[in-house]
């Protein structure tokens, strides 16, 4: 198994840490907190297949709209998802491919 410092280069890792401000570290910690809830992770996985409205997400996750809407708000404020209006409905999607990458790397890490 390859050490992470070797994979990314120890010098590069130290360079990242040395050039990261306290505000950036705080923002990073807040981002990772959003991944600390299994419902939010399930919503992100659900959106891997494409855009969905809240009713579809509720049906897929077998949860009520209030619970899902609350989590969607947190995911949106963390800029992990985006929404657009289509008539009276809000349509949700992943913000970008970074979301899939973060989850894939996390999954890879726990499977090591």
PDB file of N, CA and C in Angstrom:
ATOM      1  N   UNK A   1       0.851  -1.171   0.000  1.00  0.00           N
ATOM      2  CA  UNK A   1       0.000   0.000   0.000  1.00  0.00           C
ATOM      3  C   UNK A   1       0.901   1.239   0.000  1.00  0.00           C
ATOM      4  N   UNK A   2       0.572   2.176  -0.838  1.00  0.00           N
ATOM      5  CA  UNK A   2       1.375   3.375  -1.000  1.00  0.00           C
ATOM      6  C   UNK A   2       0.993   4.429   0.036  1.00  0.00           C
ATOM      7  N   UNK A   3       1.989   5.002   0.674  1.00  0.00           N
ATOM      8  CA  UNK A   3       1.773   6.073   1.645  1.00  0.00           C
ATOM      9  C   UNK A   3       1.254   7.310   0.923  1.00  0.00           C
ATOM     10  N   UNK A   4       0.273   8.011   1.529  1.00  0.00           N
ATOM     11  CA  UNK A   4      -0.310   9.208   0.898  1.00  0.00           C
ATOM     12  C   UNK A   4       0.732  10.290   0.629  1.00  0.00           C
ATOM     13  N   UNK A   5       1.695  10.474   1.555  1.00  0.00           N
ATOM     14  CA  UNK A   5       2.738  11.464   1.319  1.00  0.00           C
ATOM     15  C   UNK A   5       3.567  11.107   0.105  1.00  0.00           C
ATOM     16  N   UNK A   6       3.798   9.797  -0.107  1.00  0.00           N
ATOM     17  CA  UNK A   6       4.526   9.356  -1.282  1.00  0.00           C
ATOM     18  C   UNK A   6       3.686   9.575  -2.532  1.00  0.00           C
ATOM     19  N   UNK A   7       2.401   9.269  -2.447  1.00  0.00           N
ATOM     20  CA  UNK A   7       1.514   9.398  -3.609  1.00  0.00           C
ATOM     21  C   UNK A   7       1.450  10.839  -4.106  1.00  0.00           C
ATOM     22  N   UNK A   8       1.380  11.781  -3.202  1.00  0.00           N
ATOM     23  CA  UNK A   8       1.246  13.186  -3.590  1.00  0.00           C
ATOM     24  C   UNK A   8       2.571  13.924  -3.537  1.00  0.00           C
ATOM     25  N   UNK A   9       3.596  13.279  -3.002  1.00  0.00           N
ATOM     26  CA  UNK A   9       4.885  13.920  -2.840  1.00  0.00           C
ATOM     27  C   UNK A   9       4.910  14.678  -1.524  1.00  0.00           C
ATOM     28  N   UNK A  10       5.775  14.240  -0.611  1.00  0.00           N
ATOM     29  CA  UNK A  10       5.831  14.858   0.721  1.00  0.00           C
ATOM     30  C   UNK A  10       6.051  16.349   0.628  1.00  0.00           C
ATOM     31  N   UNK A  11       6.881  16.775  -0.299  1.00  0.00           N
ATOM     32  CA  UNK A  11       7.157  18.206  -0.448  1.00  0.00           C
ATOM     33  C   UNK A  11       5.886  18.961  -0.835  1.00  0.00           C
ATOM     34  N   UNK A  12       5.080  18.394  -1.718  1.00  0.00           N
ATOM     35  CA  UNK A  12       3.833  19.038  -2.138  1.00  0.00           C
ATOM     36  C   UNK A  12       2.849  19.162  -0.993  1.00  0.00           C
ATOM     37  N   UNK A  13       2.742  18.127  -0.162  1.00  0.00           N
ATOM     38  CA  UNK A  13       1.825  18.146   0.975  1.00  0.00           C
ATOM     39  C   UNK A  13       2.249  19.237   1.953  1.00  0.00           C
ATOM     40  N   UNK A  14       3.531  19.300   2.256  1.00  0.00           N
ATOM     41  CA  UNK A  14       4.000  20.339   3.182  1.00  0.00           C
ATOM     42  C   UNK A  14       3.810  21.725   2.585  1.00  0.00           C
ATOM     43  N   UNK A  15       3.997  21.857   1.293  1.00  0.00           N
ATOM     44  CA  UNK A  15       3.782  23.141   0.623  1.00  0.00           C
ATOM     45  C   UNK A  15       2.322  23.577   0.761  1.00  0.00           C
ATOM     46  N   UNK A  16       1.387  22.634   0.592  1.00  0.00           N
ATOM     47  CA  UNK A  16      -0.028  22.951   0.740  1.00  0.00           C
ATOM     48  C   UNK A  16      -0.337  23.445   2.147  1.00  0.00           C
ATOM     49  N   UNK A  17       0.170  22.739   3.147  1.00  0.00           N
ATOM     50  CA  UNK A  17      -0.096  23.113   4.536  1.00  0.00           C
ATOM     51  C   UNK A  17       0.527  24.464   4.858  1.00  0.00           C
ATOM     52  N   UNK A  18       1.760  24.674   4.438  1.00  0.00           N
ATOM     53  CA  UNK A  18       2.459  25.923   4.736  1.00  0.00           C
ATOM     54  C   UNK A  18       1.788  27.132   4.100  1.00  0.00           C
ATOM     55  N   UNK A  19       1.124  26.950   2.973  1.00  0.00           N
ATOM     56  CA  UNK A  19       0.522  28.069   2.251  1.00  0.00           C
ATOM     57  C   UNK A  19      -0.990  28.165   2.434  1.00  0.00           C
ATOM     58  N   UNK A  20      -1.508  27.508   3.450  1.00  0.00           N
ATOM     59  CA  UNK A  20      -2.939  27.528   3.714  1.00  0.00           C
ATOM     60  C   UNK A  20      -3.211  28.450   4.899  1.00  0.00           C
ATOM     61  N   UNK A  21      -4.130  29.389   4.695  1.00  0.00           N
ATOM     62  CA  UNK A  21      -4.457  30.335   5.765  1.00  0.00           C
ATOM     63  C   UNK A  21      -5.397  29.694   6.786  1.00  0.00           C
ATOM     64  N   UNK A  22      -5.511  30.322   7.935  1.00  0.00           N
ATOM     65  CA  UNK A  22      -6.434  29.845   8.960  1.00  0.00           C
ATOM     66  C   UNK A  22      -7.874  29.851   8.438  1.00  0.00           C
ATOM     67  N   UNK A  23      -8.233  30.870   7.656  1.00  0.00           N
ATOM     68  CA  UNK A  23      -9.581  30.934   7.088  1.00  0.00           C
ATOM     69  C   UNK A  23      -9.830  29.765   6.146  1.00  0.00           C
ATOM     70  N   UNK A  24      -8.827  29.426   5.351  1.00  0.00           N
ATOM     71  CA  UNK A  24      -8.975  28.292   4.436  1.00  0.00           C
ATOM     72  C   UNK A  24      -9.098  26.979   5.205  1.00  0.00           C
ATOM     73  N   UNK A  25      -8.317  26.840   6.259  1.00  0.00           N
ATOM     74  CA  UNK A  25      -8.422  25.631   7.086  1.00  0.00           C
ATOM     75  C   UNK A  25      -9.798  25.524   7.718  1.00  0.00           C
ATOM     76  N   UNK A  26     -10.325  26.640   8.174  1.00  0.00           N
ATOM     77  CA  UNK A  26     -11.663  26.669   8.766  1.00  0.00           C
ATOM     78  C   UNK A  26     -12.724  26.308   7.727  1.00  0.00           C
ATOM     79  N   UNK A  27     -12.601  26.881   6.532  1.00  0.00           N
ATOM     80  CA  UNK A  27     -13.546  26.571   5.447  1.00  0.00           C
ATOM     81  C   UNK A  27     -13.479  25.095   5.071  1.00  0.00           C
ATOM     82  N   UNK A  28     -12.274  24.542   5.041  1.00  0.00           N
ATOM     83  CA  UNK A  28     -12.101  23.129   4.714  1.00  0.00           C
ATOM     84  C   UNK A  28     -12.752  22.245   5.773  1.00  0.00           C
ATOM     85  N   UNK A  29     -12.559  22.612   7.040  1.00  0.00           N
ATOM     86  CA  UNK A  29     -13.189  21.855   8.134  1.00  0.00           C
ATOM     87  C   UNK A  29     -14.702  21.899   8.009  1.00  0.00           C
ATOM     88  N   UNK A  30     -15.259  23.060   7.683  1.00  0.00           N
ATOM     89  CA  UNK A  30     -16.706  23.190   7.499  1.00  0.00           C
ATOM     90  C   UNK A  30     -17.192  22.324   6.339  1.00  0.00           C
ATOM     91  N   UNK A  31     -16.433  22.295   5.251  1.00  0.00           N
ATOM     92  CA  UNK A  31     -16.806  21.458   4.105  1.00  0.00           C
ATOM     93  C   UNK A  31     -16.867  19.991   4.520  1.00  0.00           C
ATOM     94  N   UNK A  32     -15.853  19.533   5.234  1.00  0.00           N
ATOM     95  CA  UNK A  32     -15.829  18.127   5.634  1.00  0.00           C
ATOM     96  C   UNK A  32     -16.924  17.799   6.638  1.00  0.00           C
ATOM     97  N   UNK A  33     -17.346  18.760   7.437  1.00  0.00           N
ATOM     98  CA  UNK A  33     -18.464  18.533   8.354  1.00  0.00           C
ATOM     99  C   UNK A  33     -19.733  18.183   7.588  1.00  0.00           C
ATOM    100  N   UNK A  34     -19.914  18.773   6.423  1.00  0.00           N
ATOM    101  CA  UNK A  34     -21.108  18.508   5.617  1.00  0.00           C
ATOM    102  C   UNK A  34     -21.150  17.038   5.204  1.00  0.00           C
ATOM    103  N   UNK A  35     -19.995  16.434   5.014  1.00  0.00           N
ATOM    104  CA  UNK A  35     -19.924  15.017   4.645  1.00  0.00           C
ATOM    105  C   UNK A  35     -20.124  14.104   5.850  1.00  0.00           C
ATOM    106  N   UNK A  36     -20.323  14.679   7.042  1.00  0.00           N
ATOM    107  CA  UNK A  36     -20.450  13.901   8.264  1.00  0.00           C
ATOM    108  C   UNK A  36     -21.849  13.399   8.566  1.00  0.00           C
ATOM    109  N   UNK A  37     -22.739  13.439   7.598  1.00  0.00           N
ATOM    110  CA  UNK A  37     -24.114  12.991   7.812  1.00  0.00           C
ATOM    111  C   UNK A  37     -24.493  12.018   6.701  1.00  0.00           C
ATOM    112  N   UNK A  38     -24.946  10.830   7.074  1.00  0.00           N
ATOM    113  CA  UNK A  38     -25.230   9.798   6.064  1.00  0.00           C
ATOM    114  C   UNK A  38     -26.395  10.186   5.146  1.00  0.00           C
ATOM    115  N   UNK A  39     -27.357  10.957   5.642  1.00  0.00           N
ATOM    116  CA  UNK A  39     -28.453  11.385   4.768  1.00  0.00           C
ATOM    117  C   UNK A  39     -27.929  12.297   3.668  1.00  0.00           C
ATOM    118  N   UNK A  40     -27.045  13.212   4.019  1.00  0.00           N
ATOM    119  CA  UNK A  40     -26.482  14.098   2.997  1.00  0.00           C
ATOM    120  C   UNK A  40     -25.672  13.298   1.978  1.00  0.00           C
ATOM    121  N   UNK A  41     -24.930  12.313   2.448  1.00  0.00           N
ATOM    122  CA  UNK A  41     -24.164  11.463   1.524  1.00  0.00           C
ATOM    123  C   UNK A  41     -25.120  10.711   0.605  1.00  0.00           C
ATOM    124  N   UNK A  42     -26.209  10.194   1.148  1.00  0.00           N
ATOM    125  CA  UNK A  42     -27.196   9.473   0.335  1.00  0.00           C
ATOM    126  C   UNK A  42     -27.808  10.391  -0.723  1.00  0.00           C
ATOM    127  N   UNK A  43     -28.077  11.645  -0.358  1.00  0.00           N
ATOM    128  CA  UNK A  43     -28.618  12.598  -1.330  1.00  0.00           C
ATOM    129  C   UNK A  43     -27.605  12.830  -2.448  1.00  0.00           C
ATOM    130  N   UNK A  44     -26.342  13.021  -2.087  1.00  0.00           N
ATOM    131  CA  UNK A  44     -25.312  13.230  -3.107  1.00  0.00           C
ATOM    132  C   UNK A  44     -25.224  12.018  -4.034  1.00  0.00           C
ATOM    133  N   UNK A  45     -25.212  10.810  -3.447  1.00  0.00           N
ATOM    134  CA  UNK A  45     -25.204   9.597  -4.273  1.00  0.00           C
ATOM    135  C   UNK A  45     -26.421   9.566  -5.198  1.00  0.00           C
ATOM    136  N   UNK A  46     -27.569   9.949  -4.684  1.00  0.00           N
ATOM    137  CA  UNK A  46     -28.798   9.942  -5.484  1.00  0.00           C
ATOM    138  C   UNK A  46     -28.671  10.882  -6.677  1.00  0.00           C
ATOM    139  N   UNK A  47     -27.980  11.997  -6.477  1.00  0.00           N
ATOM    140  CA  UNK A  47     -27.820  12.972  -7.562  1.00  0.00           C
ATOM    141  C   UNK A  47     -26.714  12.594  -8.551  1.00  0.00           C
ATOM    142  N   UNK A  48     -25.958  11.524  -8.252  1.00  0.00           N
ATOM    143  CA  UNK A  48     -24.957  11.035  -9.208  1.00  0.00           C
ATOM    144  C   UNK A  48     -25.618  10.706 -10.545  1.00  0.00           C
ATOM    145  N   UNK A  49     -26.870  10.240 -10.492  1.00  0.00           N
ATOM    146  CA  UNK A  49     -27.554   9.809 -11.719  1.00  0.00           C
ATOM    147  C   UNK A  49     -28.159  10.973 -12.500  1.00  0.00           C
ATOM    148  N   UNK A  50     -28.088  12.181 -11.942  1.00  0.00           N
ATOM    149  CA  UNK A  50     -28.593  13.343 -12.668  1.00  0.00           C
ATOM    150  C   UNK A  50     -29.533  14.187 -11.828  1.00  0.00           C
ATOM    151  N   UNK A  51     -30.130  15.165 -12.472  1.00  0.00           N
ATOM    152  CA  UNK A  51     -31.017  16.123 -11.808  1.00  0.00           C
ATOM    153  C   UNK A  51     -32.273  15.447 -11.269  1.00  0.00           C
ATOM    154  N   UNK A  52     -32.716  15.950 -10.114  1.00  0.00           N
ATOM    155  CA  UNK A  52     -33.952  15.434  -9.514  1.00  0.00           C
ATOM    156  C   UNK A  52     -34.628  16.550  -8.739  1.00  0.00           C
ATOM    157  N   UNK A  53     -35.943  16.442  -8.623  1.00  0.00           N
ATOM    158  CA  UNK A  53     -36.656  17.375  -7.750  1.00  0.00           C
ATOM    159  C   UNK A  53     -36.758  16.739  -6.359  1.00  0.00           C
ATOM    160  N   UNK A  54     -37.234  17.523  -5.405  1.00  0.00           N
ATOM    161  CA  UNK A  54     -37.261  17.052  -4.020  1.00  0.00           C
ATOM    162  C   UNK A  54     -38.178  15.834  -3.860  1.00  0.00           C
ATOM    163  N   UNK A  55     -39.263  15.787  -4.597  1.00  0.00           N
ATOM    164  CA  UNK A  55     -40.179  14.641  -4.516  1.00  0.00           C
ATOM    165  C   UNK A  55     -39.479  13.353  -4.943  1.00  0.00           C
ATOM    166  N   UNK A  56     -38.699  13.431  -6.005  1.00  0.00           N
ATOM    167  CA  UNK A  56     -37.964  12.256  -6.480  1.00  0.00           C
ATOM    168  C   UNK A  56     -36.908  11.821  -5.465  1.00  0.00           C
ATOM    169  N   UNK A  57     -36.218  12.781  -4.881  1.00  0.00           N
ATOM    170  CA  UNK A  57     -35.202  12.452  -3.882  1.00  0.00           C
ATOM    171  C   UNK A  57     -35.858  11.799  -2.668  1.00  0.00           C
ATOM    172  N   UNK A  58     -36.993  12.352  -2.239  1.00  0.00           N
ATOM    173  CA  UNK A  58     -37.729  11.772  -1.107  1.00  0.00           C
ATOM    174  C   UNK A  58     -38.129  10.329  -1.391  1.00  0.00           C
ATOM    175  N   UNK A  59     -38.630  10.081  -2.584  1.00  0.00           N
ATOM    176  CA  UNK A  59     -39.047   8.728  -2.958  1.00  0.00           C
ATOM    177  C   UNK A  59     -37.845   7.784  -2.981  1.00  0.00           C
ATOM    178  N   UNK A  60     -36.740   8.236  -3.567  1.00  0.00           N
ATOM    179  CA  UNK A  60     -35.542   7.394  -3.659  1.00  0.00           C
ATOM    180  C   UNK A  60     -34.994   7.040  -2.283  1.00  0.00           C
ATOM    181  N   UNK A  61     -34.993   8.005  -1.371  1.00  0.00           N
ATOM    182  CA  UNK A  61     -34.414   7.796  -0.047  1.00  0.00           C
ATOM    183  C   UNK A  61     -35.438   7.336   0.983  1.00  0.00           C
ATOM    184  N   UNK A  62     -36.723   7.309   0.578  1.00  0.00           N
ATOM    185  CA  UNK A  62     -37.820   6.911   1.455  1.00  0.00           C
ATOM    186  C   UNK A  62     -37.815   7.743   2.747  1.00  0.00           C
ATOM    187  N   UNK A  63     -37.762   9.069   2.542  1.00  0.00           N
ATOM    188  CA  UNK A  63     -37.755  10.012   3.657  1.00  0.00           C
ATOM    189  C   UNK A  63     -38.757  11.117   3.366  1.00  0.00           C
ATOM    190  N   UNK A  64     -39.145  11.855   4.426  1.00  0.00           N
ATOM    191  CA  UNK A  64     -40.130  12.911   4.226  1.00  0.00           C
ATOM    192  C   UNK A  64     -39.481  14.183   3.671  1.00  0.00           C
ATOM    193  N   UNK A  65     -40.317  15.011   3.084  1.00  0.00           N
ATOM    194  CA  UNK A  65     -39.824  16.199   2.396  1.00  0.00           C
ATOM    195  C   UNK A  65     -39.144  17.190   3.338  1.00  0.00           C
ATOM    196  N   UNK A  66     -39.647  17.315   4.540  1.00  0.00           N
ATOM    197  CA  UNK A  66     -39.058  18.244   5.495  1.00  0.00           C
ATOM    198  C   UNK A  66     -37.599  17.882   5.782  1.00  0.00           C
ATOM    199  N   UNK A  67     -37.351  16.612   6.034  1.00  0.00           N
ATOM    200  CA  UNK A  67     -35.991  16.154   6.333  1.00  0.00           C
ATOM    201  C   UNK A  67     -35.066  16.356   5.135  1.00  0.00           C
ATOM    202  N   UNK A  68     -35.550  16.023   3.955  1.00  0.00           N
ATOM    203  CA  UNK A  68     -34.737  16.157   2.742  1.00  0.00           C
ATOM    204  C   UNK A  68     -34.470  17.627   2.435  1.00  0.00           C
ATOM    205  N   UNK A  69     -35.497  18.458   2.541  1.00  0.00           N
ATOM    206  CA  UNK A  69     -35.338  19.884   2.251  1.00  0.00           C
ATOM    207  C   UNK A  69     -34.294  20.528   3.159  1.00  0.00           C
ATOM    208  N   UNK A  70     -34.298  20.142   4.418  1.00  0.00           N
ATOM    209  CA  UNK A  70     -33.311  20.670   5.360  1.00  0.00           C
ATOM    210  C   UNK A  70     -31.888  20.310   4.908  1.00  0.00           C
ATOM    211  N   UNK A  71     -31.698  19.054   4.518  1.00  0.00           N
ATOM    212  CA  UNK A  71     -30.372  18.605   4.089  1.00  0.00           C
ATOM    213  C   UNK A  71     -29.969  19.245   2.753  1.00  0.00           C
ATOM    214  N   UNK A  72     -30.933  19.434   1.862  1.00  0.00           N
ATOM    215  CA  UNK A  72     -30.636  20.098   0.592  1.00  0.00           C
ATOM    216  C   UNK A  72     -30.144  21.523   0.828  1.00  0.00           C
ATOM    217  N   UNK A  73     -30.746  22.192   1.789  1.00  0.00           N
ATOM    218  CA  UNK A  73     -30.334  23.563   2.112  1.00  0.00           C
ATOM    219  C   UNK A  73     -28.872  23.590   2.577  1.00  0.00           C
ATOM    220  N   UNK A  74     -28.500  22.647   3.434  1.00  0.00           N
ATOM    221  CA  UNK A  74     -27.121  22.574   3.917  1.00  0.00           C
ATOM    222  C   UNK A  74     -26.149  22.238   2.786  1.00  0.00           C
ATOM    223  N   UNK A  75     -26.536  21.307   1.931  1.00  0.00           N
ATOM    224  CA  UNK A  75     -25.684  20.938   0.799  1.00  0.00           C
ATOM    225  C   UNK A  75     -25.510  22.105  -0.171  1.00  0.00           C
ATOM    226  N   UNK A  76     -26.576  22.856  -0.357  1.00  0.00           N
ATOM    227  CA  UNK A  76     -26.509  24.008  -1.257  1.00  0.00           C
ATOM    228  C   UNK A  76     -25.631  25.110  -0.664  1.00  0.00           C
ATOM    229  N   UNK A  77     -25.758  25.353   0.643  1.00  0.00           N
ATOM    230  CA  UNK A  77     -24.944  26.400   1.270  1.00  0.00           C
ATOM    231  C   UNK A  77     -23.460  26.022   1.264  1.00  0.00           C
ATOM    232  N   UNK A  78     -23.160  24.732   1.228  1.00  0.00           N
ATOM    233  CA  UNK A  78     -21.778  24.254   1.127  1.00  0.00           C
ATOM    234  C   UNK A  78     -21.305  24.198  -0.325  1.00  0.00           C
ATOM    235  N   UNK A  79     -22.169  24.583  -1.243  1.00  0.00           N
ATOM    236  CA  UNK A  79     -21.890  24.607  -2.690  1.00  0.00           C
ATOM    237  C   UNK A  79     -21.553  23.223  -3.246  1.00  0.00           C
ATOM    238  N   UNK A  80     -22.168  22.189  -2.659  1.00  0.00           N
ATOM    239  CA  UNK A  80     -21.998  20.834  -3.173  1.00  0.00           C
ATOM    240  C   UNK A  80     -23.088  20.480  -4.174  1.00  0.00           C
ATOM    241  N   UNK A  81     -24.227  21.154  -4.063  1.00  0.00           N
ATOM    242  CA  UNK A  81     -25.305  20.991  -5.046  1.00  0.00           C
ATOM    243  C   UNK A  81     -25.740  22.373  -5.518  1.00  0.00           C
ATOM    244  N   UNK A  82     -26.469  22.378  -6.601  1.00  0.00           N
ATOM    245  CA  UNK A  82     -27.075  23.621  -7.088  1.00  0.00           C
ATOM    246  C   UNK A  82     -28.523  23.322  -7.426  1.00  0.00           C
ATOM    247  N   UNK A  83     -29.279  24.377  -7.589  1.00  0.00           N
ATOM    248  CA  UNK A  83     -30.690  24.197  -7.925  1.00  0.00           C
ATOM    249  C   UNK A  83     -31.076  25.196  -9.006  1.00  0.00           C
ATOM    250  N   UNK A  84     -32.114  24.823  -9.705  1.00  0.00           N
ATOM    251  CA  UNK A  84     -32.701  25.725 -10.700  1.00  0.00           C
ATOM    252  C   UNK A  84     -34.206  25.541 -10.645  1.00  0.00           C
ATOM    253  N   UNK A  85     -34.912  26.590 -10.958  1.00  0.00           N
ATOM    254  CA  UNK A  85     -36.370  26.537 -10.933  1.00  0.00           C
ATOM    255  C   UNK A  85     -36.883  26.060 -12.284  1.00  0.00           C
ATOM    256  N   UNK A  86     -37.834  25.146 -12.223  1.00  0.00           N
ATOM    257  CA  UNK A  86     -38.524  24.668 -13.418  1.00  0.00           C
ATOM    258  C   UNK A  86     -40.011  24.716 -13.093  1.00  0.00           C
ATOM    259  N   UNK A  87     -40.669  25.777 -13.516  1.00  0.00           N
ATOM    260  CA  UNK A  87     -42.067  25.984 -13.129  1.00  0.00           C
ATOM    261  C   UNK A  87     -42.130  26.237 -11.644  1.00  0.00           C
ATOM    262  N   UNK A  88     -42.917  25.436 -10.942  1.00  0.00           N
ATOM    263  CA  UNK A  88     -43.043  25.579  -9.491  1.00  0.00           C
ATOM    264  C   UNK A  88     -42.039  24.719  -8.719  1.00  0.00           C
ATOM    265  N   UNK A  89     -41.287  23.898  -9.432  1.00  0.00           N
ATOM    266  CA  UNK A  89     -40.369  22.966  -8.779  1.00  0.00           C
ATOM    267  C   UNK A  89     -38.931  23.457  -8.813  1.00  0.00           C
ATOM    268  N   UNK A  90     -38.194  23.044  -7.799  1.00  0.00           N
ATOM    269  CA  UNK A  90     -36.750  23.245  -7.790  1.00  0.00           C
ATOM    270  C   UNK A  90     -36.117  21.924  -8.221  1.00  0.00           C
ATOM    271  N   UNK A  91     -35.180  22.030  -9.135  1.00  0.00           N
ATOM    272  CA  UNK A  91     -34.467  20.866  -9.639  1.00  0.00           C
ATOM    273  C   UNK A  91     -33.044  20.929  -9.097  1.00  0.00           C
ATOM    274  N   UNK A  92     -32.600  19.838  -8.483  1.00  0.00           N
ATOM    275  CA  UNK A  92     -31.294  19.794  -7.834  1.00  0.00           C
ATOM    276  C   UNK A  92     -30.323  18.931  -8.623  1.00  0.00           C
ATOM    277  N   UNK A  93     -29.048  19.326  -8.572  1.00  0.00           N
ATOM    278  CA  UNK A  93     -27.983  18.557  -9.220  1.00  0.00           C
ATOM    279  C   UNK A  93     -26.687  18.785  -8.449  1.00  0.00           C
ATOM    280  N   UNK A  94     -25.710  17.925  -8.701  1.00  0.00           N
ATOM    281  CA  UNK A  94     -24.397  18.126  -8.097  1.00  0.00           C
ATOM    282  C   UNK A  94     -23.810  19.421  -8.640  1.00  0.00           C
ATOM    283  N   UNK A  95     -23.078  20.127  -7.821  1.00  0.00           N
ATOM    284  CA  UNK A  95     -22.503  21.409  -8.230  1.00  0.00           C
ATOM    285  C   UNK A  95     -21.452  21.226  -9.322  1.00  0.00           C
ATOM    286  N   UNK A  96     -20.639  20.180  -9.197  1.00  0.00           N
ATOM    287  CA  UNK A  96     -19.601  19.912 -10.190  1.00  0.00           C
ATOM    288  C   UNK A  96     -19.029  18.515  -9.955  1.00  0.00           C
ATOM    289  N   UNK A  97     -18.065  18.139 -10.772  1.00  0.00           N
ATOM    290  CA  UNK A  97     -17.486  16.796 -10.663  1.00  0.00           C
ATOM    291  C   UNK A  97     -16.614  16.616  -9.424  1.00  0.00           C
ATOM    292  N   UNK A  98     -16.216  17.723  -8.777  1.00  0.00           N
ATOM    293  CA  UNK A  98     -15.417  17.600  -7.553  1.00  0.00           C
ATOM    294  C   UNK A  98     -16.161  16.802  -6.488  1.00  0.00           C
ATOM    295  N   UNK A  99     -17.475  16.931  -6.458  1.00  0.00           N
ATOM    296  CA  UNK A  99     -18.268  16.227  -5.450  1.00  0.00           C
ATOM    297  C   UNK A  99     -18.090  14.719  -5.617  1.00  0.00           C
ATOM    298  N   UNK A 100     -18.182  14.233  -6.835  1.00  0.00           N
ATOM    299  CA  UNK A 100     -17.977  12.801  -7.093  1.00  0.00           C
ATOM    300  C   UNK A 100     -16.557  12.383  -6.730  1.00  0.00           C
ATOM    301  N   UNK A 101     -15.589  13.240  -7.031  1.00  0.00           N
ATOM    302  CA  UNK A 101     -14.188  12.933  -6.733  1.00  0.00           C
ATOM    303  C   UNK A 101     -13.961  12.824  -5.235  1.00  0.00           C
ATOM    304  N   UNK A 102     -14.501  13.767  -4.455  1.00  0.00           N
ATOM    305  CA  UNK A 102     -14.341  13.746  -3.003  1.00  0.00           C
ATOM    306  C   UNK A 102     -14.934  12.465  -2.430  1.00  0.00           C
ATOM    307  N   UNK A 103     -16.126  12.106  -2.876  1.00  0.00           N
ATOM    308  CA  UNK A 103     -16.779  10.895  -2.369  1.00  0.00           C
ATOM    309  C   UNK A 103     -16.016   9.651  -2.805  1.00  0.00           C
ATOM    310  N   UNK A 104     -15.571   9.620  -4.058  1.00  0.00           N
ATOM    311  CA  UNK A 104     -14.815   8.463  -4.553  1.00  0.00           C
ATOM    312  C   UNK A 104     -13.521   8.284  -3.765  1.00  0.00           C
ATOM    313  N   UNK A 105     -12.838   9.388  -3.457  1.00  0.00           N
ATOM    314  CA  UNK A 105     -11.591   9.289  -2.701  1.00  0.00           C
ATOM    315  C   UNK A 105     -11.864   8.840  -1.259  1.00  0.00           C
ATOM    316  N   UNK A 106     -12.935   9.318  -0.678  1.00  0.00           N
ATOM    317  CA  UNK A 106     -13.308   8.886   0.664  1.00  0.00           C
ATOM    318  C   UNK A 106     -13.635   7.404   0.695  1.00  0.00           C
ATOM    319  N   UNK A 107     -14.377   6.971  -0.307  1.00  0.00           N
ATOM    320  CA  UNK A 107     -14.742   5.551  -0.402  1.00  0.00           C
ATOM    321  C   UNK A 107     -13.490   4.688  -0.589  1.00  0.00           C
ATOM    322  N   UNK A 108     -12.588   5.128  -1.444  1.00  0.00           N
ATOM    323  CA  UNK A 108     -11.334   4.419  -1.669  1.00  0.00           C
ATOM    324  C   UNK A 108     -10.545   4.333  -0.361  1.00  0.00           C
ATOM    325  N   UNK A 109     -10.515   5.396   0.393  1.00  0.00           N
ATOM    326  CA  UNK A 109      -9.768   5.428   1.655  1.00  0.00           C
ATOM    327  C   UNK A 109     -10.330   4.422   2.664  1.00  0.00           C
ATOM    328  N   UNK A 110     -11.655   4.368   2.798  1.00  0.00           N
ATOM    329  CA  UNK A 110     -12.218   3.432   3.795  1.00  0.00           C
ATOM    330  C   UNK A 110     -12.115   1.977   3.355  1.00  0.00           C
ATOM    331  N   UNK A 111     -11.922   1.749   2.061  1.00  0.00           N
ATOM    332  CA  UNK A 111     -11.816   0.375   1.555  1.00  0.00           C
ATOM    333  C   UNK A 111     -10.385  -0.157   1.602  1.00  0.00           C
ATOM    334  N   UNK A 112      -9.411   0.700   1.942  1.00  0.00           N
ATOM    335  CA  UNK A 112      -8.004   0.254   1.985  1.00  0.00           C
ATOM    336  C   UNK A 112      -7.770  -0.716   3.111  1.00  0.00           C
TER     337      UNK A 112
END
